[in-house]
N, C-alpha and C. Protein backbone atom coordinates (compact mmCIF):
# COMPACT_ATOMS: atom_id res chain seq x y z
N MET A 1 0.86 -1.19 0.00
CA MET A 1 0.00 0.00 0.00
C MET A 1 0.88 1.23 0.00
N LYS A 2 0.49 2.24 -0.80
CA LYS A 2 1.27 3.46 -0.86
C LYS A 2 0.64 4.55 -0.01
N ASN A 3 1.49 5.28 0.72
CA ASN A 3 1.05 6.43 1.50
C ASN A 3 1.46 7.69 0.74
N LEU A 4 0.52 8.62 0.52
CA LEU A 4 0.80 9.84 -0.23
C LEU A 4 0.98 11.01 0.72
N PHE A 5 2.07 11.73 0.58
CA PHE A 5 2.35 12.90 1.39
C PHE A 5 2.50 14.10 0.45
N PHE A 6 1.66 15.16 0.62
CA PHE A 6 1.71 16.33 -0.23
C PHE A 6 2.56 17.40 0.46
N VAL A 7 3.49 17.97 -0.29
CA VAL A 7 4.36 19.03 0.21
C VAL A 7 3.95 20.33 -0.47
N PHE A 8 3.66 21.37 0.32
CA PHE A 8 3.20 22.65 -0.21
C PHE A 8 4.25 23.72 0.03
N ALA A 9 4.27 24.68 -0.85
CA ALA A 9 5.08 25.89 -0.65
C ALA A 9 4.14 27.04 -0.32
N LEU A 10 4.49 27.80 0.67
CA LEU A 10 3.67 28.94 1.09
C LEU A 10 4.22 30.19 0.41
N VAL A 11 3.38 30.82 -0.43
CA VAL A 11 3.81 32.02 -1.16
C VAL A 11 3.15 33.23 -0.53
N ILE A 12 3.92 34.17 -0.05
CA ILE A 12 3.40 35.39 0.58
C ILE A 12 3.75 36.58 -0.28
N VAL A 13 2.75 37.35 -0.64
CA VAL A 13 2.97 38.55 -1.46
C VAL A 13 3.19 39.73 -0.51
N ALA A 14 4.30 40.42 -0.70
CA ALA A 14 4.63 41.55 0.18
C ALA A 14 3.54 42.61 0.12
N GLY A 15 3.12 43.07 1.30
CA GLY A 15 2.13 44.11 1.40
C GLY A 15 0.72 43.64 1.17
N ALA A 16 0.54 42.34 0.99
CA ALA A 16 -0.81 41.81 0.75
C ALA A 16 -1.17 40.84 1.85
N SER A 17 -2.45 40.78 2.07
CA SER A 17 -2.90 39.86 3.10
C SER A 17 -3.19 38.48 2.55
N ALA A 18 -3.23 38.36 1.24
CA ALA A 18 -3.56 37.07 0.63
C ALA A 18 -2.29 36.23 0.49
N TYR A 19 -2.49 34.92 0.49
CA TYR A 19 -1.37 34.01 0.26
C TYR A 19 -1.89 32.83 -0.52
N ALA A 20 -0.98 32.09 -1.11
CA ALA A 20 -1.36 30.91 -1.91
C ALA A 20 -0.52 29.71 -1.49
N GLN A 21 -1.13 28.55 -1.54
CA GLN A 21 -0.43 27.30 -1.29
C GLN A 21 -0.22 26.60 -2.62
N THR A 22 1.03 26.44 -2.99
CA THR A 22 1.35 25.83 -4.28
C THR A 22 1.97 24.46 -4.07
N PRO A 23 1.29 23.41 -4.52
CA PRO A 23 1.88 22.08 -4.35
C PRO A 23 3.15 21.93 -5.17
N LEU A 24 4.23 21.47 -4.52
CA LEU A 24 5.50 21.30 -5.21
C LEU A 24 5.67 19.87 -5.72
N GLN A 25 5.39 18.89 -4.84
CA GLN A 25 5.63 17.52 -5.24
C GLN A 25 4.80 16.58 -4.38
N VAL A 26 4.66 15.40 -4.85
CA VAL A 26 3.99 14.33 -4.12
C VAL A 26 5.02 13.25 -3.80
N VAL A 27 5.17 12.94 -2.50
CA VAL A 27 6.13 11.93 -2.06
C VAL A 27 5.37 10.65 -1.74
N GLU A 28 5.75 9.57 -2.36
CA GLU A 28 5.08 8.29 -2.15
C GLU A 28 5.97 7.37 -1.31
N THR A 29 5.38 6.77 -0.27
CA THR A 29 6.08 5.75 0.52
C THR A 29 5.22 4.51 0.57
N ALA A 30 5.83 3.38 0.54
CA ALA A 30 5.08 2.11 0.55
C ALA A 30 5.24 1.41 1.89
N SER A 31 4.14 0.90 2.46
CA SER A 31 4.21 0.09 3.68
C SER A 31 4.86 -1.24 3.33
N ILE A 32 5.81 -1.62 4.11
CA ILE A 32 6.55 -2.87 3.89
C ILE A 32 6.19 -3.85 4.99
N ALA A 33 5.95 -5.09 4.61
CA ALA A 33 5.62 -6.12 5.60
C ALA A 33 6.78 -6.28 6.58
N PRO A 34 6.50 -6.42 7.88
CA PRO A 34 7.57 -6.62 8.87
C PRO A 34 8.43 -7.83 8.52
N ILE A 35 9.69 -7.72 8.83
CA ILE A 35 10.64 -8.81 8.62
C ILE A 35 11.00 -9.39 9.98
N ILE A 36 10.74 -10.68 10.18
CA ILE A 36 11.05 -11.34 11.46
C ILE A 36 12.50 -11.80 11.43
N THR A 37 13.28 -11.33 12.39
CA THR A 37 14.69 -11.69 12.47
C THR A 37 14.95 -12.79 13.50
N VAL A 38 14.10 -12.88 14.51
CA VAL A 38 14.22 -13.95 15.50
C VAL A 38 12.83 -14.55 15.72
N GLN A 39 12.67 -15.83 15.41
CA GLN A 39 11.38 -16.50 15.52
C GLN A 39 11.16 -17.01 16.96
N PRO A 40 9.90 -17.12 17.39
CA PRO A 40 9.63 -17.75 18.70
C PRO A 40 10.02 -19.22 18.66
N MET A 41 10.50 -19.73 19.78
CA MET A 41 11.05 -21.09 19.85
C MET A 41 10.11 -22.03 20.58
N SER A 42 10.00 -23.26 20.05
CA SER A 42 9.26 -24.31 20.76
C SER A 42 10.00 -24.65 22.05
N ASN A 43 9.24 -25.10 23.05
CA ASN A 43 9.87 -25.34 24.35
C ASN A 43 9.07 -26.33 25.17
N VAL A 44 9.76 -27.02 26.07
CA VAL A 44 9.12 -27.86 27.08
C VAL A 44 9.30 -27.15 28.42
N VAL A 45 8.21 -26.83 29.09
CA VAL A 45 8.27 -26.09 30.35
C VAL A 45 7.67 -26.93 31.47
N CYS A 46 7.94 -26.52 32.68
CA CYS A 46 7.47 -27.26 33.85
C CYS A 46 6.12 -26.72 34.32
N GLU A 47 5.28 -27.60 34.75
CA GLU A 47 4.03 -27.20 35.37
C GLU A 47 4.33 -26.32 36.58
N LYS A 48 3.65 -25.20 36.69
CA LYS A 48 3.81 -24.22 37.76
C LYS A 48 5.12 -23.43 37.66
N GLY A 49 5.86 -23.61 36.55
CA GLY A 49 7.18 -22.99 36.47
C GLY A 49 7.26 -21.73 35.63
N GLY A 50 6.25 -21.41 34.84
CA GLY A 50 6.28 -20.22 34.01
C GLY A 50 6.85 -20.48 32.62
N MET A 51 6.55 -19.57 31.68
CA MET A 51 7.04 -19.69 30.31
C MET A 51 7.12 -18.32 29.67
N ALA A 52 7.92 -18.21 28.61
CA ALA A 52 8.05 -16.95 27.87
C ALA A 52 8.31 -17.25 26.41
N LEU A 53 7.61 -16.53 25.53
CA LEU A 53 7.82 -16.60 24.09
C LEU A 53 8.14 -15.20 23.60
N SER A 54 9.05 -15.10 22.64
CA SER A 54 9.41 -13.78 22.14
C SER A 54 9.65 -13.83 20.64
N VAL A 55 9.49 -12.69 20.01
CA VAL A 55 9.74 -12.55 18.58
C VAL A 55 10.41 -11.20 18.36
N THR A 56 11.32 -11.15 17.38
CA THR A 56 12.00 -9.90 17.04
C THR A 56 11.74 -9.61 15.57
N ALA A 57 11.32 -8.37 15.28
CA ALA A 57 11.00 -8.00 13.90
C ALA A 57 11.38 -6.55 13.64
N SER A 58 11.47 -6.22 12.35
CA SER A 58 11.74 -4.84 11.95
C SER A 58 10.75 -4.44 10.86
N GLY A 59 10.52 -3.14 10.72
CA GLY A 59 9.59 -2.63 9.72
C GLY A 59 9.71 -1.12 9.62
N ASN A 60 9.06 -0.53 8.60
CA ASN A 60 9.20 0.91 8.40
C ASN A 60 8.12 1.72 9.10
N ASP A 61 7.18 1.07 9.76
CA ASP A 61 6.16 1.76 10.55
C ASP A 61 6.18 1.22 11.98
N CYS A 62 5.38 1.82 12.83
CA CYS A 62 5.25 1.32 14.20
C CYS A 62 4.68 -0.10 14.16
N LEU A 63 5.37 -1.03 14.78
CA LEU A 63 4.96 -2.43 14.72
C LEU A 63 3.91 -2.72 15.79
N LYS A 64 2.93 -3.52 15.41
CA LYS A 64 1.90 -3.98 16.34
C LYS A 64 1.94 -5.50 16.40
N TYR A 65 1.73 -6.04 17.62
CA TYR A 65 1.86 -7.47 17.83
C TYR A 65 0.55 -8.06 18.36
N GLN A 66 0.27 -9.30 17.96
CA GLN A 66 -0.85 -10.04 18.52
C GLN A 66 -0.47 -11.52 18.55
N TRP A 67 -0.45 -12.08 19.78
CA TRP A 67 -0.13 -13.50 19.94
C TRP A 67 -1.40 -14.34 19.85
N TYR A 68 -1.22 -15.54 19.31
CA TYR A 68 -2.33 -16.49 19.15
C TYR A 68 -1.93 -17.83 19.78
N LYS A 69 -2.95 -18.52 20.29
CA LYS A 69 -2.76 -19.89 20.78
C LYS A 69 -3.81 -20.77 20.13
N ASN A 70 -3.35 -21.78 19.41
CA ASN A 70 -4.26 -22.70 18.72
C ASN A 70 -5.28 -21.96 17.86
N GLY A 71 -4.84 -20.89 17.23
CA GLY A 71 -5.70 -20.15 16.30
C GLY A 71 -6.56 -19.08 16.91
N VAL A 72 -6.50 -18.90 18.22
CA VAL A 72 -7.34 -17.90 18.90
C VAL A 72 -6.45 -16.80 19.47
N ALA A 73 -6.82 -15.54 19.21
CA ALA A 73 -6.06 -14.40 19.72
C ALA A 73 -6.07 -14.41 21.25
N ILE A 74 -4.91 -14.18 21.85
CA ILE A 74 -4.78 -14.15 23.31
C ILE A 74 -5.05 -12.73 23.78
N ASN A 75 -6.02 -12.56 24.63
CA ASN A 75 -6.40 -11.24 25.12
C ASN A 75 -5.23 -10.58 25.86
N GLY A 76 -4.88 -9.37 25.44
CA GLY A 76 -3.83 -8.61 26.12
C GLY A 76 -2.42 -8.96 25.70
N ALA A 77 -2.23 -9.96 24.83
CA ALA A 77 -0.88 -10.37 24.42
C ALA A 77 -0.49 -9.58 23.17
N THR A 78 -0.11 -8.32 23.37
CA THR A 78 0.12 -7.40 22.25
C THR A 78 1.50 -6.75 22.28
N THR A 79 2.48 -7.45 22.83
CA THR A 79 3.86 -6.98 22.76
C THR A 79 4.72 -8.08 22.15
N SER A 80 5.99 -7.80 21.97
CA SER A 80 6.89 -8.77 21.32
C SER A 80 7.20 -9.97 22.21
N VAL A 81 6.85 -9.87 23.49
CA VAL A 81 7.10 -10.97 24.44
C VAL A 81 5.79 -11.38 25.09
N TYR A 82 5.54 -12.69 25.11
CA TYR A 82 4.35 -13.21 25.79
C TYR A 82 4.82 -14.10 26.93
N THR A 83 4.35 -13.82 28.15
CA THR A 83 4.78 -14.58 29.32
C THR A 83 3.59 -15.13 30.09
N VAL A 84 3.83 -16.26 30.74
CA VAL A 84 2.88 -16.85 31.69
C VAL A 84 3.69 -17.15 32.94
N SER A 85 3.34 -16.54 34.05
CA SER A 85 4.14 -16.68 35.27
C SER A 85 3.91 -17.99 36.00
N TYR A 86 2.72 -18.58 35.82
CA TYR A 86 2.38 -19.82 36.53
C TYR A 86 1.74 -20.77 35.51
N THR A 87 2.54 -21.65 34.95
CA THR A 87 2.05 -22.51 33.88
C THR A 87 1.19 -23.66 34.41
N GLU A 88 0.12 -23.93 33.68
CA GLU A 88 -0.74 -25.07 33.95
C GLU A 88 -0.76 -25.97 32.73
N MET A 89 -1.30 -27.17 32.88
CA MET A 89 -1.33 -28.12 31.77
C MET A 89 -2.09 -27.55 30.57
N LYS A 90 -3.08 -26.70 30.83
CA LYS A 90 -3.89 -26.12 29.75
C LYS A 90 -3.10 -25.12 28.91
N ASP A 91 -1.92 -24.69 29.37
CA ASP A 91 -1.12 -23.74 28.61
C ASP A 91 -0.35 -24.39 27.47
N ALA A 92 -0.37 -25.72 27.40
CA ALA A 92 0.28 -26.40 26.28
C ALA A 92 -0.48 -26.09 24.99
N GLY A 93 0.25 -25.96 23.88
CA GLY A 93 -0.40 -25.69 22.60
C GLY A 93 0.54 -25.10 21.59
N ASN A 94 -0.03 -24.69 20.45
CA ASN A 94 0.73 -24.06 19.37
C ASN A 94 0.53 -22.55 19.41
N TYR A 95 1.63 -21.83 19.50
CA TYR A 95 1.59 -20.37 19.61
C TYR A 95 2.27 -19.73 18.39
N TRP A 96 1.77 -18.58 17.98
CA TRP A 96 2.45 -17.77 16.97
C TRP A 96 2.05 -16.32 17.17
N CYS A 97 2.78 -15.44 16.46
CA CYS A 97 2.54 -14.01 16.62
C CYS A 97 2.31 -13.37 15.25
N LYS A 98 1.28 -12.54 15.15
CA LYS A 98 1.02 -11.75 13.95
C LYS A 98 1.55 -10.34 14.20
N ILE A 99 2.39 -9.88 13.29
CA ILE A 99 3.02 -8.57 13.42
C ILE A 99 2.54 -7.69 12.28
N SER A 100 2.05 -6.51 12.60
CA SER A 100 1.50 -5.60 11.61
C SER A 100 2.34 -4.34 11.51
N SER A 101 2.47 -3.87 10.26
CA SER A 101 3.15 -2.60 9.99
C SER A 101 2.31 -1.88 8.96
N GLY A 102 1.52 -0.88 9.38
CA GLY A 102 0.58 -0.25 8.47
C GLY A 102 -0.48 -1.26 8.06
N ALA A 103 -0.65 -1.42 6.74
CA ALA A 103 -1.64 -2.37 6.24
C ALA A 103 -1.04 -3.74 5.97
N CYS A 104 0.24 -3.92 6.23
CA CYS A 104 0.93 -5.19 5.94
C CYS A 104 1.13 -5.99 7.22
N THR A 105 1.05 -7.30 7.08
CA THR A 105 1.24 -8.18 8.24
C THR A 105 2.17 -9.33 7.89
N THR A 106 2.82 -9.85 8.92
CA THR A 106 3.66 -11.04 8.82
C THR A 106 3.32 -11.95 9.98
N VAL A 107 3.28 -13.24 9.73
CA VAL A 107 2.98 -14.22 10.78
C VAL A 107 4.23 -15.03 11.08
N SER A 108 4.53 -15.20 12.36
CA SER A 108 5.73 -15.94 12.76
C SER A 108 5.55 -17.44 12.55
N ASN A 109 6.64 -18.15 12.73
CA ASN A 109 6.57 -19.60 12.78
C ASN A 109 5.78 -20.04 14.01
N ILE A 110 5.29 -21.27 13.99
CA ILE A 110 4.58 -21.82 15.14
C ILE A 110 5.59 -22.30 16.18
N ALA A 111 5.35 -21.93 17.42
CA ALA A 111 6.15 -22.42 18.55
C ALA A 111 5.28 -23.38 19.36
N MET A 112 5.69 -24.63 19.43
CA MET A 112 4.92 -25.63 20.16
C MET A 112 5.40 -25.66 21.61
N VAL A 113 4.47 -25.46 22.53
CA VAL A 113 4.80 -25.47 23.96
C VAL A 113 4.20 -26.73 24.59
N VAL A 114 5.08 -27.49 25.23
CA VAL A 114 4.67 -28.69 25.96
C VAL A 114 4.84 -28.40 27.45
N VAL A 115 3.81 -28.66 28.24
CA VAL A 115 3.89 -28.45 29.69
C VAL A 115 4.08 -29.81 30.34
N ASN A 116 5.20 -29.97 31.03
CA ASN A 116 5.52 -31.22 31.69
C ASN A 116 4.97 -31.22 33.12
N SER A 117 4.19 -32.21 33.46
CA SER A 117 3.60 -32.25 34.81
C SER A 117 4.69 -32.47 35.85
N GLU A 118 4.50 -31.88 37.03
CA GLU A 118 5.49 -32.03 38.08
C GLU A 118 5.51 -33.46 38.59
N PRO A 119 6.67 -33.91 39.13
CA PRO A 119 6.75 -35.28 39.66
C PRO A 119 5.71 -35.53 40.74
N LEU A 120 5.30 -36.78 40.85
CA LEU A 120 4.32 -37.16 41.86
C LEU A 120 4.93 -37.11 43.25
N ARG A 121 4.10 -36.84 44.24
CA ARG A 121 4.53 -36.86 45.64
C ARG A 121 4.12 -38.20 46.27
N TYR A 122 5.12 -38.92 46.74
CA TYR A 122 4.85 -40.18 47.42
C TYR A 122 5.00 -40.00 48.93
N SER A 123 4.40 -40.88 49.69
CA SER A 123 4.50 -40.82 51.15
C SER A 123 5.91 -41.13 51.60
N VAL A 124 6.32 -40.49 52.68
CA VAL A 124 7.67 -40.66 53.23
C VAL A 124 7.60 -41.61 54.42
N SER A 125 8.52 -42.56 54.45
CA SER A 125 8.64 -43.47 55.60
C SER A 125 9.89 -43.11 56.38
N VAL A 126 9.84 -43.28 57.70
CA VAL A 126 10.97 -42.99 58.58
C VAL A 126 11.20 -44.19 59.47
N ASP A 127 12.43 -44.73 59.42
CA ASP A 127 12.80 -45.89 60.24
C ASP A 127 14.00 -45.53 61.11
N GLY A 128 14.22 -46.32 62.16
CA GLY A 128 15.38 -46.11 63.02
C GLY A 128 15.39 -44.74 63.65
N PHE A 129 14.22 -44.29 64.10
CA PHE A 129 14.08 -42.93 64.62
C PHE A 129 14.77 -42.81 65.98
N ILE A 130 15.78 -41.95 66.03
CA ILE A 130 16.45 -41.62 67.29
C ILE A 130 16.55 -40.11 67.36
N ASP A 131 15.93 -39.51 68.36
CA ASP A 131 15.94 -38.05 68.47
C ASP A 131 17.32 -37.52 68.80
N PRO A 132 17.72 -36.42 68.17
CA PRO A 132 18.98 -35.79 68.55
C PRO A 132 18.86 -35.13 69.92
N GLY A 133 19.91 -35.24 70.70
CA GLY A 133 19.93 -34.60 72.00
C GLY A 133 20.56 -33.22 71.90
N PRO A 134 20.75 -32.55 73.05
CA PRO A 134 21.36 -31.21 73.04
C PRO A 134 22.75 -31.21 72.42
N VAL A 135 23.48 -32.30 72.59
CA VAL A 135 24.84 -32.39 72.05
C VAL A 135 24.95 -33.55 71.07
N SER A 136 24.46 -34.71 71.46
CA SER A 136 24.60 -35.90 70.62
C SER A 136 23.63 -35.88 69.45
N PRO A 137 24.06 -36.38 68.28
CA PRO A 137 23.18 -36.40 67.11
C PRO A 137 22.17 -37.54 67.21
N GLY A 138 21.16 -37.46 66.39
CA GLY A 138 20.22 -38.56 66.25
C GLY A 138 20.41 -39.21 64.89
N TYR A 139 19.65 -40.26 64.63
CA TYR A 139 19.79 -40.97 63.36
C TYR A 139 18.40 -41.30 62.82
N ARG A 140 18.27 -41.18 61.50
CA ARG A 140 17.02 -41.54 60.85
C ARG A 140 17.32 -42.18 59.50
N ALA A 141 16.46 -43.08 59.09
CA ALA A 141 16.52 -43.65 57.75
C ALA A 141 15.21 -43.32 57.06
N PHE A 142 15.29 -42.53 56.00
CA PHE A 142 14.11 -42.09 55.27
C PHE A 142 13.91 -42.94 54.02
N GLY A 143 12.66 -43.04 53.63
CA GLY A 143 12.34 -43.76 52.40
C GLY A 143 11.09 -43.18 51.76
N LEU A 144 10.78 -43.66 50.55
CA LEU A 144 9.57 -43.27 49.85
C LEU A 144 8.80 -44.52 49.48
N THR A 145 7.48 -44.46 49.61
CA THR A 145 6.64 -45.63 49.36
C THR A 145 6.52 -45.96 47.87
N GLY A 146 6.99 -45.07 47.01
CA GLY A 146 6.96 -45.31 45.56
C GLY A 146 7.83 -44.30 44.85
N THR A 147 8.15 -44.55 43.60
CA THR A 147 8.95 -43.63 42.78
C THR A 147 8.47 -43.69 41.33
N GLN A 148 8.87 -42.70 40.57
CA GLN A 148 8.64 -42.68 39.12
C GLN A 148 9.95 -43.02 38.42
N VAL A 149 9.85 -43.74 37.33
CA VAL A 149 11.03 -44.15 36.58
C VAL A 149 11.79 -42.93 36.06
N ASN A 150 13.11 -42.93 36.24
CA ASN A 150 14.04 -41.88 35.76
C ASN A 150 13.89 -40.55 36.48
N VAL A 151 13.11 -40.48 37.53
CA VAL A 151 13.04 -39.27 38.34
C VAL A 151 14.09 -39.38 39.45
N ALA A 152 14.83 -38.29 39.68
CA ALA A 152 15.87 -38.28 40.70
C ALA A 152 15.29 -37.81 42.03
N TYR A 153 15.48 -38.60 43.07
CA TYR A 153 15.01 -38.27 44.41
C TYR A 153 16.22 -37.96 45.28
N THR A 154 16.22 -36.74 45.83
CA THR A 154 17.38 -36.27 46.58
C THR A 154 17.02 -35.99 48.03
N LEU A 155 17.72 -36.63 48.92
CA LEU A 155 17.60 -36.37 50.36
C LEU A 155 18.75 -35.46 50.74
N GLN A 156 18.43 -34.29 51.28
CA GLN A 156 19.46 -33.34 51.69
C GLN A 156 19.37 -33.10 53.17
N ASN A 157 20.51 -33.24 53.83
CA ASN A 157 20.63 -33.05 55.27
C ASN A 157 21.78 -32.07 55.49
N GLY A 158 21.46 -30.80 55.68
CA GLY A 158 22.51 -29.80 55.75
C GLY A 158 23.21 -29.71 54.40
N ASN A 159 24.53 -29.93 54.40
CA ASN A 159 25.30 -29.89 53.15
C ASN A 159 25.47 -31.27 52.53
N THR A 160 24.88 -32.29 53.13
CA THR A 160 25.03 -33.66 52.64
C THR A 160 23.82 -34.05 51.80
N LYS A 161 24.09 -34.67 50.63
CA LYS A 161 23.02 -35.08 49.73
C LYS A 161 23.15 -36.55 49.37
N GLN A 162 22.00 -37.19 49.22
CA GLN A 162 21.91 -38.53 48.65
C GLN A 162 20.89 -38.47 47.52
N THR A 163 21.24 -39.01 46.36
CA THR A 163 20.32 -39.03 45.23
C THR A 163 20.13 -40.45 44.74
N VAL A 164 18.88 -40.83 44.57
CA VAL A 164 18.52 -42.16 44.06
C VAL A 164 17.60 -41.96 42.86
N ILE A 165 17.86 -42.69 41.77
CA ILE A 165 17.04 -42.62 40.57
C ILE A 165 15.88 -43.61 40.70
N GLY A 166 14.67 -43.11 40.47
CA GLY A 166 13.48 -43.93 40.64
C GLY A 166 13.38 -45.06 39.61
N THR A 167 12.82 -46.17 40.05
CA THR A 167 12.64 -47.34 39.19
C THR A 167 11.17 -47.77 39.14
N GLY A 168 10.31 -47.00 39.81
CA GLY A 168 8.92 -47.40 39.91
C GLY A 168 8.61 -48.14 41.20
N MET A 169 9.66 -48.43 41.98
CA MET A 169 9.50 -49.16 43.24
C MET A 169 9.80 -48.21 44.40
N GLU A 170 9.56 -48.69 45.63
CA GLU A 170 9.89 -47.90 46.80
C GLU A 170 11.40 -47.82 46.97
N ILE A 171 11.88 -46.81 47.67
CA ILE A 171 13.31 -46.66 47.92
C ILE A 171 13.55 -46.35 49.40
N ILE A 172 14.76 -46.69 49.84
CA ILE A 172 15.21 -46.36 51.20
C ILE A 172 16.56 -45.67 51.07
N PHE A 173 16.65 -44.48 51.62
CA PHE A 173 17.93 -43.78 51.64
C PHE A 173 18.80 -44.36 52.76
N ASP A 174 20.13 -44.15 52.64
CA ASP A 174 21.03 -44.53 53.72
C ASP A 174 20.69 -43.75 54.98
N ARG A 175 20.89 -44.39 56.11
CA ARG A 175 20.61 -43.73 57.38
C ARG A 175 21.49 -42.49 57.52
N ILE A 176 20.92 -41.41 58.01
CA ILE A 176 21.67 -40.16 58.14
C ILE A 176 21.76 -39.74 59.59
N GLU A 177 22.79 -38.97 59.87
CA GLU A 177 22.96 -38.36 61.19
C GLU A 177 22.21 -37.04 61.21
N VAL A 178 21.44 -36.83 62.24
CA VAL A 178 20.61 -35.64 62.34
C VAL A 178 21.01 -34.83 63.57
N LYS A 179 21.27 -33.57 63.37
CA LYS A 179 21.60 -32.69 64.48
C LYS A 179 20.41 -31.76 64.75
N LYS A 180 20.31 -31.32 65.96
CA LYS A 180 19.19 -30.48 66.36
C LYS A 180 19.17 -29.19 65.54
N GLY A 181 18.00 -28.84 65.01
CA GLY A 181 17.85 -27.61 64.23
C GLY A 181 18.27 -27.73 62.78
N GLN A 182 18.72 -28.91 62.36
CA GLN A 182 19.18 -29.09 60.98
C GLN A 182 18.00 -29.43 60.06
N LYS A 183 17.92 -28.78 58.91
CA LYS A 183 16.82 -29.01 57.99
C LYS A 183 17.07 -30.26 57.14
N ILE A 184 16.00 -31.03 56.95
CA ILE A 184 16.05 -32.22 56.10
C ILE A 184 14.98 -32.05 55.03
N THR A 185 15.35 -32.26 53.76
CA THR A 185 14.39 -32.15 52.65
C THR A 185 14.54 -33.34 51.71
N ILE A 186 13.45 -33.68 51.06
CA ILE A 186 13.47 -34.65 49.97
C ILE A 186 12.79 -34.00 48.77
N THR A 187 13.48 -33.95 47.64
CA THR A 187 12.93 -33.38 46.43
C THR A 187 12.97 -34.40 45.30
N ALA A 188 12.05 -34.23 44.36
CA ALA A 188 12.01 -35.08 43.17
C ALA A 188 12.22 -34.20 41.95
N THR A 189 13.12 -34.61 41.05
CA THR A 189 13.45 -33.84 39.86
C THR A 189 13.41 -34.74 38.64
N ASP A 190 12.60 -34.37 37.64
CA ASP A 190 12.50 -35.21 36.45
C ASP A 190 13.62 -34.89 35.46
N PRO A 191 13.75 -35.65 34.36
CA PRO A 191 14.89 -35.47 33.44
C PRO A 191 14.99 -34.10 32.80
N ILE A 192 13.91 -33.33 32.69
CA ILE A 192 14.03 -32.01 32.08
C ILE A 192 14.21 -30.91 33.12
N GLY A 193 14.28 -31.29 34.40
CA GLY A 193 14.57 -30.31 35.44
C GLY A 193 13.39 -29.83 36.25
N CYS A 194 12.19 -30.37 36.00
CA CYS A 194 11.03 -30.00 36.82
C CYS A 194 11.14 -30.69 38.17
N SER A 195 10.97 -29.92 39.23
CA SER A 195 11.17 -30.50 40.56
C SER A 195 10.02 -30.13 41.49
N VAL A 196 9.88 -30.92 42.55
CA VAL A 196 8.85 -30.68 43.55
C VAL A 196 9.41 -31.09 44.92
N LEU A 197 9.08 -30.31 45.94
CA LEU A 197 9.48 -30.63 47.30
C LEU A 197 8.50 -31.66 47.87
N ILE A 198 9.02 -32.82 48.26
CA ILE A 198 8.17 -33.88 48.80
C ILE A 198 8.09 -33.82 50.31
N TYR A 199 9.21 -33.48 50.95
CA TYR A 199 9.27 -33.56 52.40
C TYR A 199 10.21 -32.49 52.93
N GLU A 200 9.82 -31.88 54.05
CA GLU A 200 10.70 -30.93 54.73
C GLU A 200 10.51 -31.09 56.23
N PHE A 201 11.62 -31.23 56.94
CA PHE A 201 11.55 -31.43 58.38
C PHE A 201 12.57 -30.50 59.05
């Protein structure tokens, strides 16, 4: 589409109150479709972990953005970056961005977002319970009643860690020394890095 800009010369006659506007030239500019230099990327994100999609484009007019998910415009998603701070399973889908410059538009590539569910929480078992005293340490052996295959389960006691890879069966960690006031946690982390706190004492 061409935009027409008229340039006028103002002619003033000395001693007269009248003036004339004389067109000198017509300048034509054409709206150019935006050029995308960085496309949005497909990604696997963690449930409850957040996500961000971005696109970079250039054009000769002010650029306008509109993000879509599965063919439907996302309300309020009108900048070059689209973010979700708390991802849910329903946020999975195909996303793209329409970029407008004047009457011209460009559509980005599709970015497929997969939302990975957080690891399951299994019940914690405690054996060999001995309370720590004011000076002497106590001892505990922690376990989980079940695990997921290939999920890493980490027992942390202060600066000491034990990690066991799940096989679908229950697990027992090595007995640990427990000191008064020391925090004990068990976390589960899947192969793509999604993690969940199972136990804190």
